[in-house]
């Protein structure tokens, strides 16, 4: 099922459950996807959701304690629509597969094409540096 259809079904569930916070978050995500479809250079739905998730995670550092709980709840709702992150071992095996390229940039490019979902560039960069040295 594509992300927008899944969000629509979750909106209906939230309305039936009378979960106002979840409903607000899902409606916002739906509006992000709708705005993307009318933009001049639309991105994939997954990229839009990933971008929003990244903004919310960065916001954790900026908010005070009372807003943190709501922000964490919102992040958990967003993560329902994201593919699962790869484990460190899975990332290392992908790096080993592409290590023959010999260049940090080429390896990163190959990994970005192969990995779908959250991509921790800092972790992957450090792992590649360890393997290349």
Protein backbone atom coordinates (compact mmCIF):
# COMPACT_ATOMS: atom_id res chain seq x y z
CA UNK A 1 0.00 0.00 0.00
CA UNK A 2 1.39 3.40 -0.84
CA UNK A 3 2.06 5.92 1.92
CA UNK A 4 -0.76 8.35 1.11
CA UNK A 5 -3.39 5.57 1.12
CA UNK A 6 -1.98 4.24 4.37
CA UNK A 7 -2.13 7.71 5.94
CA UNK A 8 -5.75 8.09 4.79
CA UNK A 9 -6.73 4.80 6.43
CA UNK A 10 -4.89 5.79 9.63
CA UNK A 11 -6.78 9.13 9.61
CA UNK A 12 -10.06 7.24 9.57
CA UNK A 13 -8.86 5.03 12.43
CA UNK A 14 -7.81 8.09 14.46
CA UNK A 15 -11.17 9.75 13.86
CA UNK A 16 -13.02 6.64 15.02
CA UNK A 17 -10.76 6.39 18.10
CA UNK A 18 -11.20 10.14 18.76
CA UNK A 19 -7.42 10.51 19.04
CA UNK A 20 -7.07 14.24 18.33
CA UNK A 21 -3.27 14.42 18.52
CA UNK A 22 -2.73 11.48 16.16
CA UNK A 23 -5.36 12.89 13.81
CA UNK A 24 -3.65 16.29 13.73
CA UNK A 25 -0.27 14.70 12.97
CA UNK A 26 -1.65 12.46 10.23
CA UNK A 27 -3.54 15.33 8.61
CA UNK A 28 -0.38 17.41 8.57
CA UNK A 29 1.53 14.58 6.90
CA UNK A 30 -1.29 14.27 4.35
CA UNK A 31 -1.06 17.99 3.61
CA UNK A 32 2.71 17.68 3.09
CA UNK A 33 2.12 14.94 0.53
CA UNK A 34 -0.63 16.92 -1.22
CA UNK A 35 1.53 20.04 -1.40
CA UNK A 36 4.30 17.92 -2.90
CA UNK A 37 2.07 16.70 -5.73
CA UNK A 38 1.39 20.27 -6.90
CA UNK A 39 4.97 21.48 -6.57
CA UNK A 40 7.09 22.14 -9.64
CA UNK A 41 9.59 19.44 -8.73
CA UNK A 42 7.75 16.74 -6.73
CA UNK A 43 9.70 14.26 -4.60
CA UNK A 44 8.70 10.75 -3.64
CA UNK A 45 6.26 10.39 -0.75
CA UNK A 46 8.94 8.56 1.23
CA UNK A 47 11.37 11.47 0.79
CA UNK A 48 8.73 13.91 2.07
CA UNK A 49 8.01 11.80 5.15
CA UNK A 50 11.74 11.25 5.77
CA UNK A 51 12.36 14.99 5.55
CA UNK A 52 9.59 15.75 8.01
CA UNK A 53 10.89 13.06 10.38
CA UNK A 54 14.39 14.52 10.21
CA UNK A 55 13.04 18.01 11.09
CA UNK A 56 11.12 16.63 14.06
CA UNK A 57 14.16 14.77 15.40
CA UNK A 58 16.29 17.93 15.12
CA UNK A 59 13.56 19.86 16.93
CA UNK A 60 13.97 17.63 19.99
CA UNK A 61 17.05 19.67 20.90
CA UNK A 62 15.24 22.99 20.71
CA UNK A 63 12.02 22.46 22.66
CA UNK A 64 11.48 22.68 26.40
CA UNK A 65 10.47 19.68 28.51
CA UNK A 66 6.70 20.16 28.23
CA UNK A 67 6.80 20.08 24.43
CA UNK A 68 9.15 17.10 24.27
CA UNK A 69 6.47 14.54 25.05
CA UNK A 70 4.24 15.74 22.21
CA UNK A 71 7.18 15.92 19.86
CA UNK A 72 8.25 12.37 20.73
CA UNK A 73 4.67 11.15 20.16
CA UNK A 74 4.62 12.86 16.78
CA UNK A 75 7.93 11.27 15.81
CA UNK A 76 6.60 7.82 16.73
CA UNK A 77 3.55 8.38 14.50
CA UNK A 78 5.76 9.47 11.59
CA UNK A 79 8.05 6.45 12.04
CA UNK A 80 5.10 4.13 11.37
CA UNK A 81 5.35 5.10 7.71
CA UNK A 82 9.13 4.79 7.34
CA UNK A 83 11.01 1.66 6.36
CA UNK A 84 13.05 0.16 9.16
CA UNK A 85 16.65 1.29 9.51
CA UNK A 86 19.39 -1.18 8.74
CA UNK A 87 21.47 -2.58 11.57
CA UNK A 88 25.17 -1.81 11.84
CA UNK A 89 26.01 -5.33 10.65
CA UNK A 90 23.78 -4.98 7.58
CA UNK A 91 25.40 -1.65 6.74
CA UNK A 92 28.87 -3.17 7.14
CA UNK A 93 28.00 -6.00 4.75
CA UNK A 94 26.78 -3.46 2.17
CA UNK A 95 30.01 -1.50 2.60
CA UNK A 96 32.05 -4.69 2.11
CA UNK A 97 30.07 -5.29 -1.10
CA UNK A 98 31.05 -1.85 -2.47
CA UNK A 99 34.50 -1.40 -0.86
CA UNK A 100 36.15 -2.36 -4.16
CA UNK A 101 35.13 1.06 -5.52
CA UNK A 102 37.94 2.38 -3.31
CA UNK A 103 36.63 5.94 -3.04
CA UNK A 104 34.53 7.30 -0.15
CA UNK A 105 32.27 9.30 -2.49
CA UNK A 106 31.63 6.41 -4.85
CA UNK A 107 30.89 4.03 -1.99
CA UNK A 108 28.47 6.53 -0.38
CA UNK A 109 26.70 7.05 -3.71
CA UNK A 110 26.32 3.30 -4.23
CA UNK A 111 24.99 2.86 -0.69
CA UNK A 112 22.47 5.70 -1.03
CA UNK A 113 21.06 4.04 -4.13
CA UNK A 114 20.81 0.68 -2.37
CA UNK A 115 19.50 1.75 1.05
CA UNK A 116 15.83 2.71 1.20
CA UNK A 117 14.66 4.67 4.20
CA UNK A 118 16.54 6.41 6.98
CA UNK A 119 20.19 6.88 6.05
CA UNK A 120 22.60 7.81 8.86
CA UNK A 121 25.34 9.40 6.79
CA UNK A 122 27.62 10.08 9.75
CA UNK A 123 27.60 6.45 10.91
CA UNK A 124 28.09 5.13 7.39
CA UNK A 125 30.88 7.60 6.72
CA UNK A 126 32.74 6.51 9.87
CA UNK A 127 32.31 2.82 8.96
CA UNK A 128 33.65 3.42 5.45
CA UNK A 129 36.66 5.31 6.85
CA UNK A 130 37.43 2.38 9.16
CA UNK A 131 37.22 -0.11 6.27
CA UNK A 132 39.35 2.03 3.92
CA UNK A 133 42.14 2.59 6.44
